[in-house]
C-alpha atoms as a PDB file:
ATOM      1  CA  MET A   1       6.316  -8.765  14.735  1.00  0.00           C
ATOM      2  CA  THR A   2       3.959 -11.168  12.989  1.00  0.00           C
ATOM      3  CA  VAL A   3       2.963 -10.748   9.331  1.00  0.00           C
ATOM      4  CA  LEU A   4      -0.112 -12.746   8.294  1.00  0.00           C
ATOM      5  CA  GLY A   5      -0.516 -13.751   4.669  1.00  0.00           C
ATOM      6  CA  THR A   6      -3.438 -15.531   3.067  1.00  0.00           C
ATOM      7  CA  GLY A   7      -1.848 -18.917   3.745  1.00  0.00           C
ATOM      8  CA  VAL A   8      -3.018 -18.853   7.373  1.00  0.00           C
ATOM      9  CA  THR A   9      -6.517 -19.733   6.169  1.00  0.00           C
ATOM     10  CA  LEU A  10      -7.755 -23.280   5.749  1.00  0.00           C
ATOM     11  CA  ASN A  11      -9.735 -24.378   2.718  1.00  0.00           C
ATOM     12  CA  GLY A  12     -13.149 -25.743   3.543  1.00  0.00           C
ATOM     13  CA  GLY A  13     -16.791 -24.739   3.720  1.00  0.00           C
ATOM     14  CA  SER A  14     -18.426 -21.409   4.396  1.00  0.00           C
ATOM     15  CA  ASP A  15     -16.780 -21.123   7.821  1.00  0.00           C
ATOM     16  CA  TYR A  16     -13.360 -20.715   6.246  1.00  0.00           C
ATOM     17  CA  LEU A  17     -11.889 -17.628   4.679  1.00  0.00           C
ATOM     18  CA  PRO A  18     -11.214 -17.812   0.927  1.00  0.00           C
ATOM     19  CA  ALA A  19      -7.572 -17.898  -0.092  1.00  0.00           C
ATOM     20  CA  ARG A  20      -6.315 -15.355  -2.617  1.00  0.00           C
ATOM     21  CA  ASP A  21      -6.643 -17.680  -5.606  1.00  0.00           C
ATOM     22  CA  GLN A  22     -10.152 -18.696  -4.547  1.00  0.00           C
ATOM     23  CA  LEU A  23     -11.190 -15.045  -4.298  1.00  0.00           C
ATOM     24  CA  ALA A  24      -9.789 -14.350  -7.769  1.00  0.00           C
ATOM     25  CA  ALA A  25     -11.666 -17.330  -9.224  1.00  0.00           C
ATOM     26  CA  HIS A  26     -14.913 -16.245  -7.548  1.00  0.00           C
ATOM     27  CA  LEU A  27     -14.683 -12.695  -8.929  1.00  0.00           C
ATOM     28  CA  ALA A  28     -13.796 -14.009 -12.391  1.00  0.00           C
ATOM     29  CA  ARG A  29     -16.906 -16.225 -12.425  1.00  0.00           C
ATOM     30  CA  THR A  30     -19.203 -13.584 -10.951  1.00  0.00           C
ATOM     31  CA  PHE A  31     -18.209 -10.893 -13.443  1.00  0.00           C
ATOM     32  CA  ASP A  32     -17.606 -13.182 -16.431  1.00  0.00           C
ATOM     33  CA  CYS A  33     -13.960 -12.169 -16.644  1.00  0.00           C
ATOM     34  CA  PRO A  34     -12.189 -13.089 -19.931  1.00  0.00           C
ATOM     35  CA  ARG A  35      -9.399 -15.651 -19.692  1.00  0.00           C
ATOM     36  CA  GLU A  36      -6.671 -13.110 -20.464  1.00  0.00           C
ATOM     37  CA  HIS A  37      -7.715 -11.055 -17.427  1.00  0.00           C
ATOM     38  CA  SER A  38      -8.101 -14.023 -15.064  1.00  0.00           C
ATOM     39  CA  GLY A  39      -5.762 -15.753 -12.663  1.00  0.00           C
ATOM     40  CA  ASP A  40      -4.192 -13.098 -10.470  1.00  0.00           C
ATOM     41  CA  LEU A  41      -6.516 -11.319  -8.041  1.00  0.00           C
ATOM     42  CA  ALA A  42      -5.224  -7.837  -8.858  1.00  0.00           C
ATOM     43  CA  ARG A  43      -5.769  -8.419 -12.587  1.00  0.00           C
ATOM     44  CA  VAL A  44      -9.282  -9.773 -12.096  1.00  0.00           C
ATOM     45  CA  ALA A  45     -10.187  -6.874  -9.796  1.00  0.00           C
ATOM     46  CA  GLN A  46      -8.795  -4.388 -12.318  1.00  0.00           C
ATOM     47  CA  TYR A  47     -11.041  -5.832 -15.029  1.00  0.00           C
ATOM     48  CA  VAL A  48     -14.095  -5.513 -12.778  1.00  0.00           C
ATOM     49  CA  LEU A  49     -13.090  -1.977 -11.753  1.00  0.00           C
ATOM     50  CA  VAL A  50     -12.741  -0.796 -15.357  1.00  0.00           C
ATOM     51  CA  THR A  51     -15.758  -2.577 -16.848  1.00  0.00           C
ATOM     52  CA  ARG A  52     -18.266  -2.447 -13.977  1.00  0.00           C
ATOM     53  CA  GLY A  53     -16.994   0.244 -11.624  1.00  0.00           C
ATOM     54  CA  VAL A  54     -15.750   0.316  -8.046  1.00  0.00           C
ATOM     55  CA  GLY A  55     -19.279   0.046  -6.599  1.00  0.00           C
ATOM     56  CA  PRO A  56     -20.058  -3.475  -7.885  1.00  0.00           C
ATOM     57  CA  LEU A  57     -16.514  -4.608  -7.023  1.00  0.00           C
ATOM     58  CA  TYR A  58     -16.816  -3.384  -3.432  1.00  0.00           C
ATOM     59  CA  ASP A  59     -20.354  -4.766  -3.109  1.00  0.00           C
ATOM     60  CA  GLU A  60     -19.156  -8.243  -4.080  1.00  0.00           C
ATOM     61  CA  LEU A  61     -16.129  -8.099  -1.785  1.00  0.00           C
ATOM     62  CA  HIS A  62     -18.353  -6.882   1.041  1.00  0.00           C
ATOM     63  CA  SER A  63     -20.742  -9.806   0.536  1.00  0.00           C
ATOM     64  CA  ILE A  64     -17.800 -12.205   0.851  1.00  0.00           C
ATOM     65  CA  PHE A  65     -16.159 -10.721   3.942  1.00  0.00           C
ATOM     66  CA  ASP A  66     -19.231  -9.534   5.871  1.00  0.00           C
ATOM     67  CA  ARG A  67     -19.397 -12.857   7.724  1.00  0.00           C
ATOM     68  CA  ASP A  68     -18.438 -14.366  11.061  1.00  0.00           C
ATOM     69  CA  TYR A  69     -15.515 -16.415   9.814  1.00  0.00           C
ATOM     70  CA  GLU A  70     -14.060 -18.834  12.343  1.00  0.00           C
ATOM     71  CA  PRO A  71     -10.612 -17.726  13.578  1.00  0.00           C
ATOM     72  CA  GLN A  72      -7.779 -20.039  12.563  1.00  0.00           C
ATOM     73  CA  PRO A  73      -5.199 -21.549  14.976  1.00  0.00           C
ATOM     74  CA  VAL A  74      -2.790 -18.700  14.207  1.00  0.00           C
ATOM     75  CA  HIS A  75      -5.440 -16.137  15.167  1.00  0.00           C
ATOM     76  CA  ARG A  76      -6.190 -17.975  18.413  1.00  0.00           C
ATOM     77  CA  LEU A  77      -2.509 -18.131  19.331  1.00  0.00           C
ATOM     78  CA  LEU A  78      -2.006 -14.412  18.736  1.00  0.00           C
ATOM     79  CA  ALA A  79      -5.050 -13.690  20.903  1.00  0.00           C
ATOM     80  CA  GLU A  80      -3.450 -15.637  23.770  1.00  0.00           C
ATOM     81  CA  LEU A  81      -0.268 -13.553  23.745  1.00  0.00           C
ATOM     82  CA  PRO A  82      -1.478 -10.223  25.249  1.00  0.00           C
ATOM     83  CA  ALA A  83      -2.015 -11.756  28.689  1.00  0.00           C
ATOM     84  CA  MET A  84       1.408 -13.429  28.567  1.00  0.00           C
ATOM     85  CA  LEU A  85       3.090 -10.195  27.491  1.00  0.00           C
ATOM     86  CA  ARG A  86       1.383  -8.207  30.240  1.00  0.00           C
ATOM     87  CA  ASP A  87       2.471 -10.725  32.859  1.00  0.00           C
ATOM     88  CA  ALA A  88       6.045 -10.538  31.560  1.00  0.00           C
ATOM     89  CA  GLY A  89       6.018  -6.717  31.463  1.00  0.00           C
ATOM     90  CA  LYS A  90       6.597  -6.685  27.693  1.00  0.00           C
ATOM     91  CA  PRO A  91       5.152  -4.347  25.012  1.00  0.00           C
ATOM     92  CA  GLN A  92       2.144  -5.610  23.103  1.00  0.00           C
ATOM     93  CA  GLN A  93       2.079  -6.992  19.571  1.00  0.00           C
ATOM     94  CA  LEU A  94       1.954  -5.173  16.269  1.00  0.00           C
ATOM     95  CA  ILE A  95       0.387  -7.603  13.779  1.00  0.00           C
ATOM     96  CA  VAL A  96       0.571  -6.796  10.068  1.00  0.00           C
ATOM     97  CA  THR A  97      -2.056  -8.434   7.874  1.00  0.00           C
ATOM     98  CA  THR A  98      -3.196  -8.284   4.250  1.00  0.00           C
ATOM     99  CA  HIS A  99      -6.620  -9.715   5.138  1.00  0.00           C
ATOM    100  CA  TYR A 100      -9.869  -7.777   4.720  1.00  0.00           C
ATOM    101  CA  ASP A 101     -11.899  -9.888   7.153  1.00  0.00           C
ATOM    102  CA  CYS A 102     -12.414  -9.674  10.930  1.00  0.00           C
ATOM    103  CA  ALA A 103     -11.356 -13.198  11.981  1.00  0.00           C
ATOM    104  CA  LEU A 104      -8.299 -11.964  13.900  1.00  0.00           C
ATOM    105  CA  GLU A 105     -10.369  -9.315  15.674  1.00  0.00           C
ATOM    106  CA  ARG A 106     -12.946 -11.963  16.554  1.00  0.00           C
ATOM    107  CA  ALA A 107     -10.200 -14.086  18.152  1.00  0.00           C
ATOM    108  CA  PHE A 108      -9.161 -11.130  20.331  1.00  0.00           C
ATOM    109  CA  GLU A 109     -12.790 -10.484  21.296  1.00  0.00           C
ATOM    110  CA  ASP A 110     -13.302 -14.157  22.196  1.00  0.00           C
ATOM    111  CA  ALA A 111     -10.221 -13.926  24.427  1.00  0.00           C
ATOM    112  CA  GLY A 112     -11.580 -10.800  26.132  1.00  0.00           C
ATOM    113  CA  GLU A 113      -8.746  -8.633  24.809  1.00  0.00           C
ATOM    114  CA  THR A 114      -9.037  -4.976  23.825  1.00  0.00           C
ATOM    115  CA  PHE A 115      -7.129  -4.015  20.681  1.00  0.00           C
ATOM    116  CA  ASP A 116      -6.637  -1.176  18.201  1.00  0.00           C
ATOM    117  CA  VAL A 117      -6.886  -1.361  14.412  1.00  0.00           C
ATOM    118  CA  VAL A 118      -4.969   0.865  11.989  1.00  0.00           C
ATOM    119  CA  SER A 119      -6.337   0.326   8.484  1.00  0.00           C
ATOM    120  CA  TYR A 120      -5.348   1.680   5.065  1.00  0.00           C
ATOM    121  CA  ILE A 121      -7.843   3.868   3.183  1.00  0.00           C
ATOM    122  CA  SER A 122      -7.891   3.078  -0.527  1.00  0.00           C
ATOM    123  CA  LEU A 123     -10.836   5.195  -1.701  1.00  0.00           C
ATOM    124  CA  GLY A 124     -12.247   8.701  -1.358  1.00  0.00           C
ATOM    125  CA  ARG A 125     -10.833  12.001  -0.163  1.00  0.00           C
ATOM    126  CA  ASP A 126      -8.573  10.326   2.431  1.00  0.00           C
ATOM    127  CA  ARG A 127      -7.094   7.801   0.024  1.00  0.00           C
ATOM    128  CA  GLY A 128      -3.521   6.921   0.949  1.00  0.00           C
ATOM    129  CA  LYS A 129      -3.987   7.647   4.647  1.00  0.00           C
ATOM    130  CA  PHE A 130      -4.644   5.297   7.547  1.00  0.00           C
ATOM    131  CA  LEU A 131      -7.667   5.113   9.829  1.00  0.00           C
ATOM    132  CA  HIS A 132      -7.170   4.464  13.553  1.00  0.00           C
ATOM    133  CA  ARG A 133      -9.965   2.625  15.366  1.00  0.00           C
ATOM    134  CA  SER A 134      -9.133   2.725  19.049  1.00  0.00           C
ATOM    135  CA  GLY A 135      -9.947  -0.019  21.512  1.00  0.00           C
ATOM    136  CA  ASP A 136     -11.583   2.760  23.521  1.00  0.00           C
ATOM    137  CA  GLY A 137     -14.170   3.250  20.771  1.00  0.00           C
ATOM    138  CA  GLY A 138     -12.812   6.298  18.934  1.00  0.00           C
ATOM    139  CA  GLU A 139     -12.125   6.524  15.193  1.00  0.00           C
ATOM    140  CA  ARG A 140      -9.782   9.018  13.502  1.00  0.00           C
ATOM    141  CA  VAL A 141      -8.177   9.492  10.108  1.00  0.00           C
ATOM    142  CA  ILE A 142      -4.444  10.008  10.626  1.00  0.00           C
ATOM    143  CA  HIS A 143      -3.711  13.267   8.802  1.00  0.00           C
ATOM    144  CA  LEU A 144      -0.366  14.073  10.486  1.00  0.00           C
ATOM    145  CA  PRO A 145       1.362  10.703  10.933  1.00  0.00           C
ATOM    146  CA  ASN A 146       4.688  12.166  12.068  1.00  0.00           C
ATOM    147  CA  ALA A 147       2.916  13.831  14.982  1.00  0.00           C
ATOM    148  CA  TYR A 148       0.431  11.043  15.736  1.00  0.00           C
ATOM    149  CA  ALA A 149       1.405   9.093  18.839  1.00  0.00           C
ATOM    150  CA  GLU A 150      -2.059   7.926  19.915  1.00  0.00           C
ATOM    151  CA  VAL A 151      -1.597   4.235  19.106  1.00  0.00           C
ATOM    152  CA  PRO A 152      -0.929   2.526  22.477  1.00  0.00           C
ATOM    153  CA  LEU A 153       1.532  -0.207  21.499  1.00  0.00           C
ATOM    154  CA  GLU A 154       2.744  -0.493  25.068  1.00  0.00           C
ATOM    155  CA  ARG A 155      -0.736  -1.273  26.417  1.00  0.00           C
ATOM    156  CA  ARG A 156      -2.783  -2.997  23.713  1.00  0.00           C
ATOM    157  CA  PRO A 157      -2.157  -5.159  20.643  1.00  0.00           C
ATOM    158  CA  VAL A 158      -2.468  -3.309  17.344  1.00  0.00           C
ATOM    159  CA  VAL A 159      -3.675  -4.846  14.072  1.00  0.00           C
ATOM    160  CA  LEU A 160      -2.202  -3.049  11.051  1.00  0.00           C
ATOM    161  CA  LYS A 161      -4.379  -3.834   8.020  1.00  0.00           C
ATOM    162  CA  ILE A 162      -2.257  -2.662   5.115  1.00  0.00           C
ATOM    163  CA  HIS A 163      -4.834  -3.572   2.454  1.00  0.00           C
ATOM    164  CA  GLY A 164      -7.883  -2.081   4.154  1.00  0.00           C
ATOM    165  CA  GLU A 165     -10.831  -3.987   5.583  1.00  0.00           C
ATOM    166  CA  VAL A 166     -14.518  -4.737   5.341  1.00  0.00           C
ATOM    167  CA  ASP A 167     -16.812  -2.419   7.291  1.00  0.00           C
ATOM    168  CA  ARG A 168     -19.620  -4.522   8.719  1.00  0.00           C
ATOM    169  CA  GLY A 169     -21.694  -1.535   9.788  1.00  0.00           C
ATOM    170  CA  PRO A 170     -24.775  -0.597   7.726  1.00  0.00           C
ATOM    171  CA  ALA A 171     -23.186   2.614   6.391  1.00  0.00           C
ATOM    172  CA  ARG A 172     -19.927   0.903   5.305  1.00  0.00           C
ATOM    173  CA  ALA A 173     -18.241   4.302   5.670  1.00  0.00           C
ATOM    174  CA  SER A 174     -14.819   2.898   6.604  1.00  0.00           C
ATOM    175  CA  GLU A 175     -14.645   0.150   3.981  1.00  0.00           C
ATOM    176  CA  SER A 176     -11.543  -0.070   1.786  1.00  0.00           C
ATOM    177  CA  PHE A 177      -9.998  -2.808  -0.320  1.00  0.00           C
ATOM    178  CA  VAL A 178      -6.508  -2.625  -1.822  1.00  0.00           C
ATOM    179  CA  VAL A 179      -7.207  -5.222  -4.463  1.00  0.00           C
ATOM    180  CA  SER A 180      -6.849  -3.929  -8.058  1.00  0.00           C
ATOM    181  CA  GLU A 181      -3.722  -3.204 -10.097  1.00  0.00           C
ATOM    182  CA  ASP A 182      -4.456   0.529  -9.767  1.00  0.00           C
ATOM    183  CA  ASP A 183      -4.555   0.171  -5.978  1.00  0.00           C
ATOM    184  CA  HIS A 184      -1.099  -1.410  -5.917  1.00  0.00           C
ATOM    185  CA  ILE A 185       0.300   1.148  -8.352  1.00  0.00           C
ATOM    186  CA  ALA A 186      -0.976   3.875  -6.028  1.00  0.00           C
ATOM    187  CA  TYR A 187       0.796   2.140  -3.152  1.00  0.00           C
ATOM    188  CA  LEU A 188       4.099   2.252  -5.044  1.00  0.00           C
ATOM    189  CA  ALA A 189       3.638   5.861  -6.146  1.00  0.00           C
ATOM    190  CA  GLU A 190       3.142   7.198  -2.631  1.00  0.00           C
ATOM    191  CA  THR A 191       5.856   8.312  -0.232  1.00  0.00           C
ATOM    192  CA  GLY A 192       7.613   6.002   2.227  1.00  0.00           C
ATOM    193  CA  LEU A 193       5.805   4.556   5.194  1.00  0.00           C
ATOM    194  CA  GLY A 194       7.059   7.308   7.469  1.00  0.00           C
ATOM    195  CA  GLY A 195       4.855   9.731   5.571  1.00  0.00           C
ATOM    196  CA  VAL A 196       1.599   7.828   6.113  1.00  0.00           C
ATOM    197  CA  LEU A 197       1.965   5.615   9.204  1.00  0.00           C
ATOM    198  CA  PRO A 198       1.844   6.910  12.787  1.00  0.00           C
ATOM    199  CA  VAL A 199       5.375   7.543  13.991  1.00  0.00           C
ATOM    200  CA  THR A 200       5.192   4.848  16.682  1.00  0.00           C
ATOM    201  CA  LEU A 201       4.143   2.148  14.199  1.00  0.00           C
ATOM    202  CA  ALA A 202       6.756   3.166  11.628  1.00  0.00           C
ATOM    203  CA  ALA A 203       9.435   2.986  14.330  1.00  0.00           C
ATOM    204  CA  ARG A 204       8.294  -0.474  15.447  1.00  0.00           C
ATOM    205  CA  LEU A 205       8.290  -1.729  11.855  1.00  0.00           C
ATOM    206  CA  ARG A 206      11.894  -0.621  11.386  1.00  0.00           C
ATOM    207  CA  ARG A 207      13.099  -2.001  14.711  1.00  0.00           C
ATOM    208  CA  SER A 208      11.554  -5.458  14.886  1.00  0.00           C
ATOM    209  CA  HIS A 209      12.126  -9.094  14.121  1.00  0.00           C
ATOM    210  CA  PHE A 210       9.602 -10.307  11.523  1.00  0.00           C
ATOM    211  CA  LEU A 211       7.777 -13.623  11.500  1.00  0.00           C
ATOM    212  CA  PHE A 212       6.027 -14.222   8.176  1.00  0.00           C
ATOM    213  CA  LEU A 213       3.186 -16.732   8.487  1.00  0.00           C
ATOM    214  CA  GLY A 214       1.198 -17.978   5.515  1.00  0.00           C
ATOM    215  CA  TYR A 215       2.967 -15.724   3.063  1.00  0.00           C
ATOM    216  CA  GLY A 216       4.668 -16.842  -0.163  1.00  0.00           C
ATOM    217  CA  LEU A 217       6.131 -15.056  -3.148  1.00  0.00           C
ATOM    218  CA  LEU A 218       3.089 -15.790  -5.274  1.00  0.00           C
ATOM    219  CA  ASP A 219       1.221 -13.417  -2.968  1.00  0.00           C
ATOM    220  CA  TRP A 220       3.282 -10.583  -4.442  1.00  0.00           C
ATOM    221  CA  SER A 221       0.945  -7.842  -3.202  1.00  0.00           C
ATOM    222  CA  LEU A 222       2.551  -7.804   0.249  1.00  0.00           C
ATOM    223  CA  ARG A 223       5.932  -7.164  -1.378  1.00  0.00           C
ATOM    224  CA  VAL A 224       4.631  -3.763  -2.510  1.00  0.00           C
ATOM    225  CA  PHE A 225       4.300  -2.793   1.147  1.00  0.00           C
ATOM    226  CA  LEU A 226       7.642  -4.358   2.083  1.00  0.00           C
ATOM    227  CA  HIS A 227       9.370  -2.432  -0.707  1.00  0.00           C
ATOM    228  CA  ARG A 228       8.182   0.807   0.866  1.00  0.00           C
ATOM    229  CA  LEU A 229       9.492  -0.389   4.207  1.00  0.00           C
ATOM    230  CA  TRP A 230      12.883  -1.795   3.217  1.00  0.00           C
ATOM    231  CA  SER A 231      13.427  -0.532  -0.347  1.00  0.00           C
ATOM    232  CA  ASP A 232      16.049  -2.961  -1.717  1.00  0.00           C
ATOM    233  CA  GLY A 233      17.805  -3.555   1.595  1.00  0.00           C
ATOM    234  CA  GLN A 234      17.656  -6.225   4.262  1.00  0.00           C
ATOM    235  CA  VAL A 235      15.790  -6.369   7.519  1.00  0.00           C
ATOM    236  CA  ASP A 236      17.810  -4.973  10.414  1.00  0.00           C
ATOM    237  CA  TYR A 237      16.769  -7.715  12.843  1.00  0.00           C
ATOM    238  CA  ARG A 238      16.878 -11.484  12.457  1.00  0.00           C
ATOM    239  CA  SER A 239      13.592 -12.616  10.893  1.00  0.00           C
ATOM    240  CA  TRP A 240      11.873 -15.805   9.750  1.00  0.00           C
ATOM    241  CA  ALA A 241       9.340 -16.998   7.169  1.00  0.00           C
ATOM    242  CA  VAL A 242       7.306 -20.185   7.611  1.00  0.00           C
ATOM    243  CA  GLN A 243       6.891 -21.353   4.031  1.00  0.00           C
ATOM    244  CA  PRO A 244       6.588 -25.113   3.473  1.00  0.00           C
ATOM    245  CA  ALA A 245       7.947 -26.387   0.154  1.00  0.00           C
ATOM    246  CA  ALA A 246       9.645 -23.088  -0.660  1.00  0.00           C
ATOM    247  CA  GLY A 247      11.340 -23.287  -4.044  1.00  0.00           C
ATOM    248  CA  PRO A 248      14.798 -21.947  -4.958  1.00  0.00           C
ATOM    249  CA  VAL A 249      13.410 -18.565  -6.007  1.00  0.00           C
ATOM    250  CA  GLU A 250      11.593 -18.142  -2.690  1.00  0.00           C
ATOM    251  CA  ARG A 251      14.645 -19.198  -0.674  1.00  0.00           C
ATOM    252  CA  GLU A 252      16.864 -16.773  -2.602  1.00  0.00           C
ATOM    253  CA  PHE A 253      14.373 -13.955  -2.054  1.00  0.00           C
ATOM    254  CA  TRP A 254      14.298 -14.512   1.697  1.00  0.00           C
ATOM    255  CA  LYS A 255      18.091 -14.826   1.789  1.00  0.00           C
ATOM    256  CA  LYS A 256      18.537 -11.453   0.070  1.00  0.00           C
ATOM    257  CA  ARG A 257      16.203  -9.896   2.611  1.00  0.00           C
ATOM    258  CA  GLY A 258      18.016 -11.503   5.545  1.00  0.00           C
ATOM    259  CA  VAL A 259      15.005 -13.684   6.367  1.00  0.00           C
ATOM    260  CA  VAL A 260      15.463 -17.338   7.379  1.00  0.00           C
ATOM    261  CA  PRO A 261      12.867 -19.645   5.755  1.00  0.00           C
ATOM    262  CA  SER A 262      11.387 -22.584   7.660  1.00  0.00           C
ATOM    263  CA  GLY A 263      10.003 -25.613   5.857  1.00  0.00           C
ATOM    264  CA  ARG A 264       7.660 -26.624   8.679  1.00  0.00           C
ATOM    265  CA  ALA A 265       3.943 -26.872   8.029  1.00  0.00           C
ATOM    266  CA  LEU A 266       2.092 -23.899   9.466  1.00  0.00           C
ATOM    267  CA  ASP A 267      -0.070 -25.928  11.856  1.00  0.00           C
ATOM    268  CA  GLU A 268       3.015 -27.753  13.138  1.00  0.00           C
ATOM    269  CA  PHE A 269       4.843 -24.470  13.654  1.00  0.00           C
ATOM    270  CA  VAL A 270       1.903 -22.974  15.555  1.00  0.00           C
ATOM    271  CA  SER A 271       1.699 -26.040  17.821  1.00  0.00           C
ATOM    272  CA  LEU A 272       5.431 -25.914  18.565  1.00  0.00           C
ATOM    273  CA  LEU A 273       5.312 -22.177  19.195  1.00  0.00           C
ATOM    274  CA  ARG A 274       2.416 -22.591  21.630  1.00  0.00           C
ATOM    275  CA  VAL A 275       4.397 -25.207  23.595  1.00  0.00           C
ATOM    276  CA  ARG A 276       7.484 -22.997  23.651  1.00  0.00           C
ATOM    277  CA  LEU A 277       5.507 -19.998  24.844  1.00  0.00           C
ATOM    278  CA  ALA A 278       3.938 -22.066  27.619  1.00  0.00           C
ATOM    279  CA  ASP A 279       7.373 -23.267  28.730  1.00  0.00           C
ATOM    280  CA  SER A 280       8.739 -19.712  28.616  1.00  0.00           C
ATOM    281  CA  THR A 281       5.876 -18.491  30.777  1.00  0.00           C
ATOM    282  CA  LEU A 282       6.484 -21.220  33.338  1.00  0.00           C
ATOM    283  CA  ASP A 283      10.188 -20.478  33.676  1.00  0.00           C
ATOM    284  CA  GLY A 284       9.719 -16.694  33.467  1.00  0.00           C
ATOM    285  CA  SER A 285      11.845 -16.254  30.338  1.00  0.00           C
ATOM    286  CA  LEU A 286       9.239 -14.939  27.895  1.00  0.00           C
ATOM    287  CA  SER A 287      10.938 -12.548  25.496  1.00  0.00           C
END
């Protein structure tokens, strides 16, 4: 299973997604955030939420993410895998992401692949639940996750957006952003993942290898989700984290979780993985 953090984005012009620190700086400037409430994205968003309200916060986030961002090399690679997995008779991917944008979905569309999205709802009467957008065109709030087996992991890739997503439709009815301190506190206060995620996704999360790409400890918001998944224990399957220049604290964190850190640069790792996958396809050993 692949987990995408904000580090998979490349800094650049308007075609590139903003990294977490860039988003925090933009919100701080836009809403004239005092220095003591600046720096971390959750803190900045909390200031905006309290002083201006959720409407202006969501409007600004929508204006940032309602764009056709160019998919990154990681997105393109993941979009190539469904065909390989089908040919090898393997189940499809479950991809966990903290991103609000649609760059990964765009990569799948460019590759001609159908996919499902399961996205967290952070606002309104269904707050704390997940929304399932099927590749067949349907959309349902998952009210009974333990009985919900409608996510076709065997047939189509599934994108699990644990922090919500932008809704690019005119009504913006499905838009949610887990971004403020209150949002993350709500995440911690809720029950375990088995109480909110469809049973098939919860089972896959607990019985998978993890590959963390573009995720570091400074992006602590993902750890809120991982705490609900693992509590204080280790992963049950061998897992890896691509984190160049990881410091001693990061290495110790991964070690305690049973995750092996790699110091390779992300673009180098993606290139090597693409070559390995091509070789595996040629010799029929894709696993």
